[in-house]
């Protein structure tokens, strides 16, 4: 089996676990390829360089499975790294939240066995594709697994966002910003502004204003085959567009168009694991307060 590994450079608390993890892969004769910057980092912090079969430079690679080592932010970077290759991703959590990276390093041996046996489930997660009627920087990957957010450029005046859905006027939002979230991202930025939590496989998006001027502006759930166009006016002459936390500045009066991406991200999950298990764990819905 060919496995491609991506990780972040904040792993100092997990040195021993990383050594064990790469040793276990070697013992199982797994073909291991590691993203270049993560490999360089490992060579600097581990007692000796990990045994790998190849180093991946850029995103020109192929594998049966990709492994993300870090938190949910690292998983988002891994999803961008994988792109439209349809390689399923296993997230090993060494970060904080762990909605996407839900597996822990202490379970690495178990998961290596599962991967080799094919004993896992795959969830398909939709992405949002972004277009603009002005120039988007070429280095910006125009897709988002969690959310796309339109945000004010400065810290004073609100911005005005005219939203249309499938060519029909939806609303004029006067607010600090507007979030369009996938089900995957519904427990992230969207949740922090009181947006709805969406079941991961639901074919919908959440449209949630940030600090809206009017209390009548409430979060809205729409079909994910909708095309949403947002034209933004700002006194500062510009506004920010965020794609999973990757920011760029766009001129006022420009329009961004959001639609369902033509490919999906495939997430590896434990057999029988349900989204409600994650909610009970992360949001403490299973806490007995009696």
C-alpha atoms as a PDB file:
ATOM      1  CA  UNK A   1       0.000   0.000   0.000  1.00  0.00           C
ATOM      2  CA  UNK A   2       1.232   3.486  -0.899  1.00  0.00           C
ATOM      3  CA  UNK A   3       0.584   6.114   1.799  1.00  0.00           C
ATOM      4  CA  UNK A   4       1.273   9.845   1.462  1.00  0.00           C
ATOM      5  CA  UNK A   5       1.791  11.813   4.700  1.00  0.00           C
ATOM      6  CA  UNK A   6       1.312  15.522   5.368  1.00  0.00           C
ATOM      7  CA  UNK A   7       1.772  17.217   8.733  1.00  0.00           C
ATOM      8  CA  UNK A   8       2.317  20.472  10.549  1.00  0.00           C
ATOM      9  CA  UNK A   9       5.506  21.654  12.249  1.00  0.00           C
ATOM     10  CA  UNK A  10       4.185  21.733  15.817  1.00  0.00           C
ATOM     11  CA  UNK A  11       4.806  18.153  16.906  1.00  0.00           C
ATOM     12  CA  UNK A  12       7.339  18.542  19.723  1.00  0.00           C
ATOM     13  CA  UNK A  13       4.971  16.942  22.270  1.00  0.00           C
ATOM     14  CA  UNK A  14       4.587  13.854  20.097  1.00  0.00           C
ATOM     15  CA  UNK A  15       8.174  12.931  19.226  1.00  0.00           C
ATOM     16  CA  UNK A  16       8.013   9.461  20.764  1.00  0.00           C
ATOM     17  CA  UNK A  17       4.673   8.710  19.130  1.00  0.00           C
ATOM     18  CA  UNK A  18       5.962   9.835  15.728  1.00  0.00           C
ATOM     19  CA  UNK A  19       9.025   7.591  16.029  1.00  0.00           C
ATOM     20  CA  UNK A  20       6.756   4.652  16.887  1.00  0.00           C
ATOM     21  CA  UNK A  21       4.361   5.523  14.051  1.00  0.00           C
ATOM     22  CA  UNK A  22       7.014   5.549  11.316  1.00  0.00           C
ATOM     23  CA  UNK A  23       8.661   2.421  12.756  1.00  0.00           C
ATOM     24  CA  UNK A  24       5.294   0.644  12.642  1.00  0.00           C
ATOM     25  CA  UNK A  25       4.787   1.634   8.983  1.00  0.00           C
ATOM     26  CA  UNK A  26       8.263   0.314   8.178  1.00  0.00           C
ATOM     27  CA  UNK A  27       7.592  -2.996   9.944  1.00  0.00           C
ATOM     28  CA  UNK A  28       4.436  -3.454   7.862  1.00  0.00           C
ATOM     29  CA  UNK A  29       6.381  -2.813   4.619  1.00  0.00           C
ATOM     30  CA  UNK A  30       4.135   0.121   3.750  1.00  0.00           C
ATOM     31  CA  UNK A  31       5.371   2.343   0.918  1.00  0.00           C
ATOM     32  CA  UNK A  32       5.654   5.720   2.656  1.00  0.00           C
ATOM     33  CA  UNK A  33       5.916   9.103   0.956  1.00  0.00           C
ATOM     34  CA  UNK A  34       6.159  12.317   2.990  1.00  0.00           C
ATOM     35  CA  UNK A  35       5.521  15.914   1.959  1.00  0.00           C
ATOM     36  CA  UNK A  36       8.864  17.717   1.655  1.00  0.00           C
ATOM     37  CA  UNK A  37       8.511  20.431   4.320  1.00  0.00           C
ATOM     38  CA  UNK A  38       7.094  17.978   6.877  1.00  0.00           C
ATOM     39  CA  UNK A  39       9.929  15.546   6.174  1.00  0.00           C
ATOM     40  CA  UNK A  40      12.512  18.308   6.694  1.00  0.00           C
ATOM     41  CA  UNK A  41      10.863  19.178   9.984  1.00  0.00           C
ATOM     42  CA  UNK A  42      10.880  15.537  11.131  1.00  0.00           C
ATOM     43  CA  UNK A  43      14.568  15.227  10.306  1.00  0.00           C
ATOM     44  CA  UNK A  44      15.204  18.166  12.623  1.00  0.00           C
ATOM     45  CA  UNK A  45      13.178  16.991  15.635  1.00  0.00           C
ATOM     46  CA  UNK A  46      13.315  13.184  15.589  1.00  0.00           C
ATOM     47  CA  UNK A  47      16.370  11.315  16.944  1.00  0.00           C
ATOM     48  CA  UNK A  48      17.029  10.058  13.400  1.00  0.00           C
ATOM     49  CA  UNK A  49      15.343  10.679  10.030  1.00  0.00           C
ATOM     50  CA  UNK A  50      12.210   8.565   9.510  1.00  0.00           C
ATOM     51  CA  UNK A  51      12.503   5.713   7.034  1.00  0.00           C
ATOM     52  CA  UNK A  52      10.524   6.729   3.945  1.00  0.00           C
ATOM     53  CA  UNK A  53      10.435   5.563   0.351  1.00  0.00           C
ATOM     54  CA  UNK A  54      10.056   8.951  -1.280  1.00  0.00           C
ATOM     55  CA  UNK A  55       9.727  12.675  -0.607  1.00  0.00           C
ATOM     56  CA  UNK A  56       6.843  14.534  -2.261  1.00  0.00           C
ATOM     57  CA  UNK A  57       7.684  17.939  -3.683  1.00  0.00           C
ATOM     58  CA  UNK A  58       4.604  19.960  -4.534  1.00  0.00           C
ATOM     59  CA  UNK A  59       1.307  18.181  -5.127  1.00  0.00           C
ATOM     60  CA  UNK A  60       2.255  15.918  -8.026  1.00  0.00           C
ATOM     61  CA  UNK A  61       1.799  12.532  -6.362  1.00  0.00           C
ATOM     62  CA  UNK A  62      -0.512   9.563  -6.128  1.00  0.00           C
ATOM     63  CA  UNK A  63      -1.302   7.211  -3.279  1.00  0.00           C
ATOM     64  CA  UNK A  64      -3.963   4.853  -1.997  1.00  0.00           C
ATOM     65  CA  UNK A  65      -4.373   6.841   1.220  1.00  0.00           C
ATOM     66  CA  UNK A  66      -3.244  10.214   2.571  1.00  0.00           C
ATOM     67  CA  UNK A  67      -2.585  10.761   6.271  1.00  0.00           C
ATOM     68  CA  UNK A  68      -2.847  14.189   7.903  1.00  0.00           C
ATOM     69  CA  UNK A  69      -0.899  14.602  11.170  1.00  0.00           C
ATOM     70  CA  UNK A  70      -2.004  17.675  13.123  1.00  0.00           C
ATOM     71  CA  UNK A  71      -5.271  19.389  13.914  1.00  0.00           C
ATOM     72  CA  UNK A  72      -8.257  20.333  11.800  1.00  0.00           C
ATOM     73  CA  UNK A  73      -6.277  23.171  10.202  1.00  0.00           C
ATOM     74  CA  UNK A  74      -3.684  20.665   9.028  1.00  0.00           C
ATOM     75  CA  UNK A  75      -6.475  18.495   7.642  1.00  0.00           C
ATOM     76  CA  UNK A  76      -7.700  21.459   5.571  1.00  0.00           C
ATOM     77  CA  UNK A  77      -4.173  21.922   4.197  1.00  0.00           C
ATOM     78  CA  UNK A  78      -4.024  18.197   3.445  1.00  0.00           C
ATOM     79  CA  UNK A  79      -7.331  18.404   1.572  1.00  0.00           C
ATOM     80  CA  UNK A  80      -5.862  21.197  -0.557  1.00  0.00           C
ATOM     81  CA  UNK A  81      -2.685  19.123  -1.083  1.00  0.00           C
ATOM     82  CA  UNK A  82      -4.767  16.136  -2.243  1.00  0.00           C
ATOM     83  CA  UNK A  83      -7.017  18.378  -4.357  1.00  0.00           C
ATOM     84  CA  UNK A  84      -9.173  16.529  -6.858  1.00  0.00           C
ATOM     85  CA  UNK A  85      -7.223  13.246  -6.704  1.00  0.00           C
ATOM     86  CA  UNK A  86     -10.022  11.587  -4.683  1.00  0.00           C
ATOM     87  CA  UNK A  87      -7.465  10.026  -2.323  1.00  0.00           C
ATOM     88  CA  UNK A  88      -9.182   9.288   1.029  1.00  0.00           C
ATOM     89  CA  UNK A  89      -7.645  11.120   3.999  1.00  0.00           C
ATOM     90  CA  UNK A  90      -7.134   9.840   7.548  1.00  0.00           C
ATOM     91  CA  UNK A  91      -6.724  12.637  10.089  1.00  0.00           C
ATOM     92  CA  UNK A  92      -4.501  11.865  13.100  1.00  0.00           C
ATOM     93  CA  UNK A  93      -5.128  14.546  15.701  1.00  0.00           C
ATOM     94  CA  UNK A  94      -2.172  16.136  17.478  1.00  0.00           C
ATOM     95  CA  UNK A  95      -3.976  19.483  17.727  1.00  0.00           C
ATOM     96  CA  UNK A  96      -6.981  20.776  19.646  1.00  0.00           C
ATOM     97  CA  UNK A  97     -10.477  20.326  18.196  1.00  0.00           C
ATOM     98  CA  UNK A  98     -10.387  17.159  16.116  1.00  0.00           C
ATOM     99  CA  UNK A  99     -13.694  17.324  14.233  1.00  0.00           C
ATOM    100  CA  UNK A 100     -11.893  16.296  11.037  1.00  0.00           C
ATOM    101  CA  UNK A 101      -8.730  14.818  12.539  1.00  0.00           C
ATOM    102  CA  UNK A 102     -10.598  12.550  14.940  1.00  0.00           C
ATOM    103  CA  UNK A 103      -8.024   9.757  15.366  1.00  0.00           C
ATOM    104  CA  UNK A 104      -5.258   9.966  17.970  1.00  0.00           C
ATOM    105  CA  UNK A 105      -1.594   8.987  17.774  1.00  0.00           C
ATOM    106  CA  UNK A 106      -2.083   6.455  20.560  1.00  0.00           C
ATOM    107  CA  UNK A 107      -4.319   4.506  18.172  1.00  0.00           C
ATOM    108  CA  UNK A 108      -1.781   4.513  15.311  1.00  0.00           C
ATOM    109  CA  UNK A 109      -1.032   0.774  15.489  1.00  0.00           C
ATOM    110  CA  UNK A 110      -4.726  -0.052  15.311  1.00  0.00           C
ATOM    111  CA  UNK A 111      -5.235   2.268  12.368  1.00  0.00           C
ATOM    112  CA  UNK A 112      -2.294   0.918  10.392  1.00  0.00           C
ATOM    113  CA  UNK A 113      -3.880  -2.526  10.699  1.00  0.00           C
ATOM    114  CA  UNK A 114      -7.262  -1.127   9.649  1.00  0.00           C
ATOM    115  CA  UNK A 115      -5.809   0.630   6.617  1.00  0.00           C
ATOM    116  CA  UNK A 116      -4.007  -2.511   5.452  1.00  0.00           C
ATOM    117  CA  UNK A 117      -7.168  -4.603   5.866  1.00  0.00           C
ATOM    118  CA  UNK A 118      -9.501  -1.995   4.380  1.00  0.00           C
ATOM    119  CA  UNK A 119     -11.434  -1.959   7.639  1.00  0.00           C
ATOM    120  CA  UNK A 120     -12.721   1.611   7.528  1.00  0.00           C
ATOM    121  CA  UNK A 121     -15.543   3.741   6.173  1.00  0.00           C
ATOM    122  CA  UNK A 122     -15.249   6.744   3.849  1.00  0.00           C
ATOM    123  CA  UNK A 123     -17.403   9.859   4.080  1.00  0.00           C
ATOM    124  CA  UNK A 124     -17.684  12.166   1.084  1.00  0.00           C
ATOM    125  CA  UNK A 125     -17.495  15.862   1.947  1.00  0.00           C
ATOM    126  CA  UNK A 126     -18.507  18.585  -0.500  1.00  0.00           C
ATOM    127  CA  UNK A 127     -16.444  21.698  -1.215  1.00  0.00           C
ATOM    128  CA  UNK A 128     -17.347  25.212  -2.344  1.00  0.00           C
ATOM    129  CA  UNK A 129     -15.837  26.551  -5.560  1.00  0.00           C
ATOM    130  CA  UNK A 130     -15.230  30.328  -5.687  1.00  0.00           C
ATOM    131  CA  UNK A 131     -15.144  32.627  -8.697  1.00  0.00           C
ATOM    132  CA  UNK A 132     -14.884  36.421  -8.783  1.00  0.00           C
ATOM    133  CA  UNK A 133     -15.529  39.071 -11.414  1.00  0.00           C
ATOM    134  CA  UNK A 134     -12.176  40.579 -10.458  1.00  0.00           C
ATOM    135  CA  UNK A 135      -8.727  38.986 -10.434  1.00  0.00           C
ATOM    136  CA  UNK A 136      -8.148  36.219  -7.883  1.00  0.00           C
ATOM    137  CA  UNK A 137      -4.520  35.681  -6.961  1.00  0.00           C
ATOM    138  CA  UNK A 138      -3.197  32.654  -8.806  1.00  0.00           C
ATOM    139  CA  UNK A 139      -1.687  31.227  -5.641  1.00  0.00           C
ATOM    140  CA  UNK A 140      -5.118  31.024  -3.985  1.00  0.00           C
ATOM    141  CA  UNK A 141      -6.710  27.584  -4.288  1.00  0.00           C
ATOM    142  CA  UNK A 142     -10.307  28.550  -5.209  1.00  0.00           C
ATOM    143  CA  UNK A 143     -12.032  25.867  -3.115  1.00  0.00           C
ATOM    144  CA  UNK A 144     -13.102  25.595   0.508  1.00  0.00           C
ATOM    145  CA  UNK A 145     -13.891  22.486   2.531  1.00  0.00           C
ATOM    146  CA  UNK A 146     -15.121  24.379   5.603  1.00  0.00           C
ATOM    147  CA  UNK A 147     -16.423  27.776   4.574  1.00  0.00           C
ATOM    148  CA  UNK A 148     -16.155  30.897   2.468  1.00  0.00           C
ATOM    149  CA  UNK A 149     -16.457  34.144   4.421  1.00  0.00           C
ATOM    150  CA  UNK A 150     -16.881  37.717   3.218  1.00  0.00           C
ATOM    151  CA  UNK A 151     -15.439  40.024   5.894  1.00  0.00           C
ATOM    152  CA  UNK A 152     -14.936  43.726   6.453  1.00  0.00           C
ATOM    153  CA  UNK A 153     -11.447  45.034   5.762  1.00  0.00           C
ATOM    154  CA  UNK A 154     -11.102  47.291   8.810  1.00  0.00           C
ATOM    155  CA  UNK A 155     -12.466  47.319  12.355  1.00  0.00           C
ATOM    156  CA  UNK A 156     -14.983  50.149  12.076  1.00  0.00           C
ATOM    157  CA  UNK A 157     -17.758  50.300   9.489  1.00  0.00           C
ATOM    158  CA  UNK A 158     -19.962  47.382   8.568  1.00  0.00           C
ATOM    159  CA  UNK A 159     -20.162  46.209   4.978  1.00  0.00           C
ATOM    160  CA  UNK A 160     -23.191  45.773   2.734  1.00  0.00           C
ATOM    161  CA  UNK A 161     -23.507  42.417   0.985  1.00  0.00           C
ATOM    162  CA  UNK A 162     -26.142  41.910  -1.688  1.00  0.00           C
ATOM    163  CA  UNK A 163     -26.767  38.179  -2.031  1.00  0.00           C
ATOM    164  CA  UNK A 164     -28.509  36.423  -4.896  1.00  0.00           C
ATOM    165  CA  UNK A 165     -29.348  32.731  -5.074  1.00  0.00           C
ATOM    166  CA  UNK A 166     -29.725  31.121  -8.504  1.00  0.00           C
ATOM    167  CA  UNK A 167     -30.043  34.610  -9.978  1.00  0.00           C
ATOM    168  CA  UNK A 168     -32.864  35.666  -7.618  1.00  0.00           C
ATOM    169  CA  UNK A 169     -32.341  38.347  -4.922  1.00  0.00           C
ATOM    170  CA  UNK A 170     -31.984  36.784  -1.483  1.00  0.00           C
ATOM    171  CA  UNK A 171     -31.091  39.553   0.966  1.00  0.00           C
ATOM    172  CA  UNK A 172     -29.059  42.688   1.566  1.00  0.00           C
ATOM    173  CA  UNK A 173     -26.911  41.994   4.617  1.00  0.00           C
ATOM    174  CA  UNK A 174     -25.545  44.933   6.623  1.00  0.00           C
ATOM    175  CA  UNK A 175     -23.100  43.221   8.935  1.00  0.00           C
ATOM    176  CA  UNK A 176     -19.473  42.535   9.807  1.00  0.00           C
ATOM    177  CA  UNK A 177     -19.495  39.694   7.298  1.00  0.00           C
ATOM    178  CA  UNK A 178     -21.262  36.694   5.835  1.00  0.00           C
ATOM    179  CA  UNK A 179     -20.321  33.008   6.062  1.00  0.00           C
ATOM    180  CA  UNK A 180     -21.327  30.323   3.574  1.00  0.00           C
ATOM    181  CA  UNK A 181     -20.516  27.024   5.240  1.00  0.00           C
ATOM    182  CA  UNK A 182     -20.472  23.413   4.106  1.00  0.00           C
ATOM    183  CA  UNK A 183     -21.726  20.735   6.515  1.00  0.00           C
ATOM    184  CA  UNK A 184     -18.068  19.978   7.297  1.00  0.00           C
ATOM    185  CA  UNK A 185     -17.479  23.584   8.355  1.00  0.00           C
ATOM    186  CA  UNK A 186     -20.746  23.979  10.242  1.00  0.00           C
ATOM    187  CA  UNK A 187     -18.994  23.215  13.558  1.00  0.00           C
ATOM    188  CA  UNK A 188     -16.318  25.847  12.898  1.00  0.00           C
ATOM    189  CA  UNK A 189     -16.632  29.563  12.160  1.00  0.00           C
ATOM    190  CA  UNK A 190     -20.317  29.073  11.349  1.00  0.00           C
ATOM    191  CA  UNK A 191     -21.013  27.661  14.819  1.00  0.00           C
ATOM    192  CA  UNK A 192     -19.244  30.602  16.488  1.00  0.00           C
ATOM    193  CA  UNK A 193     -21.809  33.030  14.974  1.00  0.00           C
ATOM    194  CA  UNK A 194     -24.762  30.817  16.033  1.00  0.00           C
ATOM    195  CA  UNK A 195     -25.137  29.150  12.645  1.00  0.00           C
ATOM    196  CA  UNK A 196     -26.780  25.701  12.462  1.00  0.00           C
ATOM    197  CA  UNK A 197     -24.883  22.431  12.857  1.00  0.00           C
ATOM    198  CA  UNK A 198     -25.322  20.343   9.719  1.00  0.00           C
ATOM    199  CA  UNK A 199     -25.024  16.571   9.368  1.00  0.00           C
ATOM    200  CA  UNK A 200     -21.859  15.962   7.272  1.00  0.00           C
ATOM    201  CA  UNK A 201     -23.580  14.195   4.373  1.00  0.00           C
ATOM    202  CA  UNK A 202     -26.524  16.623   4.140  1.00  0.00           C
ATOM    203  CA  UNK A 203     -26.692  18.215   0.635  1.00  0.00           C
ATOM    204  CA  UNK A 204     -26.979  21.747   2.020  1.00  0.00           C
ATOM    205  CA  UNK A 205     -25.050  24.889   2.941  1.00  0.00           C
ATOM    206  CA  UNK A 206     -25.545  27.317   5.822  1.00  0.00           C
ATOM    207  CA  UNK A 207     -25.590  31.054   5.091  1.00  0.00           C
ATOM    208  CA  UNK A 208     -24.870  32.898   8.358  1.00  0.00           C
ATOM    209  CA  UNK A 209     -24.388  36.652   8.878  1.00  0.00           C
ATOM    210  CA  UNK A 210     -21.734  37.923  11.296  1.00  0.00           C
ATOM    211  CA  UNK A 211     -23.026  40.543  13.762  1.00  0.00           C
ATOM    212  CA  UNK A 212     -25.900  41.605  11.509  1.00  0.00           C
ATOM    213  CA  UNK A 213     -27.329  45.116  11.947  1.00  0.00           C
ATOM    214  CA  UNK A 214     -30.894  43.725  11.960  1.00  0.00           C
ATOM    215  CA  UNK A 215     -32.169  40.933  14.193  1.00  0.00           C
ATOM    216  CA  UNK A 216     -34.329  39.717  11.314  1.00  0.00           C
ATOM    217  CA  UNK A 217     -31.181  38.571   9.468  1.00  0.00           C
ATOM    218  CA  UNK A 218     -30.994  34.956  10.587  1.00  0.00           C
ATOM    219  CA  UNK A 219     -28.930  31.978   9.396  1.00  0.00           C
ATOM    220  CA  UNK A 220     -30.412  30.227   6.380  1.00  0.00           C
ATOM    221  CA  UNK A 221     -29.967  26.653   5.086  1.00  0.00           C
ATOM    222  CA  UNK A 222     -29.974  26.251   1.282  1.00  0.00           C
ATOM    223  CA  UNK A 223     -29.398  23.384  -1.146  1.00  0.00           C
ATOM    224  CA  UNK A 224     -25.764  22.805  -2.037  1.00  0.00           C
ATOM    225  CA  UNK A 225     -26.548  22.826  -5.759  1.00  0.00           C
ATOM    226  CA  UNK A 226     -27.467  26.506  -5.380  1.00  0.00           C
ATOM    227  CA  UNK A 227     -25.334  29.211  -6.963  1.00  0.00           C
ATOM    228  CA  UNK A 228     -24.818  32.109  -4.564  1.00  0.00           C
ATOM    229  CA  UNK A 229     -23.536  35.479  -5.808  1.00  0.00           C
ATOM    230  CA  UNK A 230     -22.449  38.126  -3.288  1.00  0.00           C
ATOM    231  CA  UNK A 231     -21.711  41.748  -4.248  1.00  0.00           C
ATOM    232  CA  UNK A 232     -20.025  43.687  -1.458  1.00  0.00           C
ATOM    233  CA  UNK A 233     -19.925  47.435  -0.806  1.00  0.00           C
ATOM    234  CA  UNK A 234     -17.485  48.899   1.715  1.00  0.00           C
ATOM    235  CA  UNK A 235     -16.568  52.435   2.816  1.00  0.00           C
ATOM    236  CA  UNK A 236     -12.914  51.387   2.942  1.00  0.00           C
ATOM    237  CA  UNK A 237     -12.979  50.532  -0.763  1.00  0.00           C
ATOM    238  CA  UNK A 238     -12.098  46.878  -0.176  1.00  0.00           C
ATOM    239  CA  UNK A 239     -13.128  43.801   1.765  1.00  0.00           C
ATOM    240  CA  UNK A 240     -11.597  40.462   2.694  1.00  0.00           C
ATOM    241  CA  UNK A 241     -12.488  37.064   1.303  1.00  0.00           C
ATOM    242  CA  UNK A 242     -11.573  34.014   3.369  1.00  0.00           C
ATOM    243  CA  UNK A 243     -11.417  30.456   2.015  1.00  0.00           C
ATOM    244  CA  UNK A 244     -10.839  28.134   4.962  1.00  0.00           C
ATOM    245  CA  UNK A 245      -8.759  30.885   6.564  1.00  0.00           C
ATOM    246  CA  UNK A 246      -6.782  31.759   3.429  1.00  0.00           C
ATOM    247  CA  UNK A 247      -7.323  35.512   3.032  1.00  0.00           C
ATOM    248  CA  UNK A 248      -7.208  37.867   0.103  1.00  0.00           C
ATOM    249  CA  UNK A 249      -8.381  41.434  -0.398  1.00  0.00           C
ATOM    250  CA  UNK A 250     -10.943  42.275  -3.089  1.00  0.00           C
ATOM    251  CA  UNK A 251     -12.156  45.688  -4.292  1.00  0.00           C
ATOM    252  CA  UNK A 252     -15.541  46.995  -3.195  1.00  0.00           C
ATOM    253  CA  UNK A 253     -18.413  46.472  -5.658  1.00  0.00           C
ATOM    254  CA  UNK A 254     -16.882  43.201  -6.888  1.00  0.00           C
ATOM    255  CA  UNK A 255     -18.920  39.998  -6.932  1.00  0.00           C
ATOM    256  CA  UNK A 256     -17.935  36.525  -5.797  1.00  0.00           C
ATOM    257  CA  UNK A 257     -19.895  33.496  -6.985  1.00  0.00           C
ATOM    258  CA  UNK A 258     -20.063  30.303  -4.954  1.00  0.00           C
ATOM    259  CA  UNK A 259     -21.089  26.908  -6.288  1.00  0.00           C
ATOM    260  CA  UNK A 260     -20.574  23.250  -5.443  1.00  0.00           C
ATOM    261  CA  UNK A 261     -17.124  22.058  -6.499  1.00  0.00           C
ATOM    262  CA  UNK A 262     -16.919  19.333  -9.185  1.00  0.00           C
ATOM    263  CA  UNK A 263     -14.990  17.049  -6.810  1.00  0.00           C
ATOM    264  CA  UNK A 264     -15.213  16.093  -3.140  1.00  0.00           C
ATOM    265  CA  UNK A 265     -12.906  15.341  -0.220  1.00  0.00           C
ATOM    266  CA  UNK A 266     -13.034  11.774   1.053  1.00  0.00           C
ATOM    267  CA  UNK A 267     -12.603  11.337   4.817  1.00  0.00           C
ATOM    268  CA  UNK A 268     -11.663   8.038   6.449  1.00  0.00           C
ATOM    269  CA  UNK A 269     -13.715   7.153   9.530  1.00  0.00           C
ATOM    270  CA  UNK A 270     -13.900   4.281  11.993  1.00  0.00           C
ATOM    271  CA  UNK A 271     -16.615   1.752  10.994  1.00  0.00           C
ATOM    272  CA  UNK A 272     -19.832   2.459  12.839  1.00  0.00           C
ATOM    273  CA  UNK A 273     -18.723   5.926  13.956  1.00  0.00           C
ATOM    274  CA  UNK A 274     -21.507   8.498  13.643  1.00  0.00           C
ATOM    275  CA  UNK A 275     -21.408  12.279  13.626  1.00  0.00           C
ATOM    276  CA  UNK A 276     -23.457  12.313  16.824  1.00  0.00           C
ATOM    277  CA  UNK A 277     -20.554  10.553  18.568  1.00  0.00           C
ATOM    278  CA  UNK A 278     -18.339  13.515  17.668  1.00  0.00           C
ATOM    279  CA  UNK A 279     -20.923  16.023  18.912  1.00  0.00           C
ATOM    280  CA  UNK A 280     -21.340  14.171  22.189  1.00  0.00           C
ATOM    281  CA  UNK A 281     -17.578  14.194  22.648  1.00  0.00           C
ATOM    282  CA  UNK A 282     -16.570  17.651  21.402  1.00  0.00           C
ATOM    283  CA  UNK A 283     -19.643  19.613  22.526  1.00  0.00           C
ATOM    284  CA  UNK A 284     -20.198  17.462  25.632  1.00  0.00           C
ATOM    285  CA  UNK A 285     -23.758  16.617  24.593  1.00  0.00           C
ATOM    286  CA  UNK A 286     -23.275  13.260  26.261  1.00  0.00           C
ATOM    287  CA  UNK A 287     -22.438  14.807  29.629  1.00  0.00           C
ATOM    288  CA  UNK A 288     -24.729  13.481  32.372  1.00  0.00           C
ATOM    289  CA  UNK A 289     -25.638  16.520  34.516  1.00  0.00           C
ATOM    290  CA  UNK A 290     -27.882  14.680  36.903  1.00  0.00           C
END
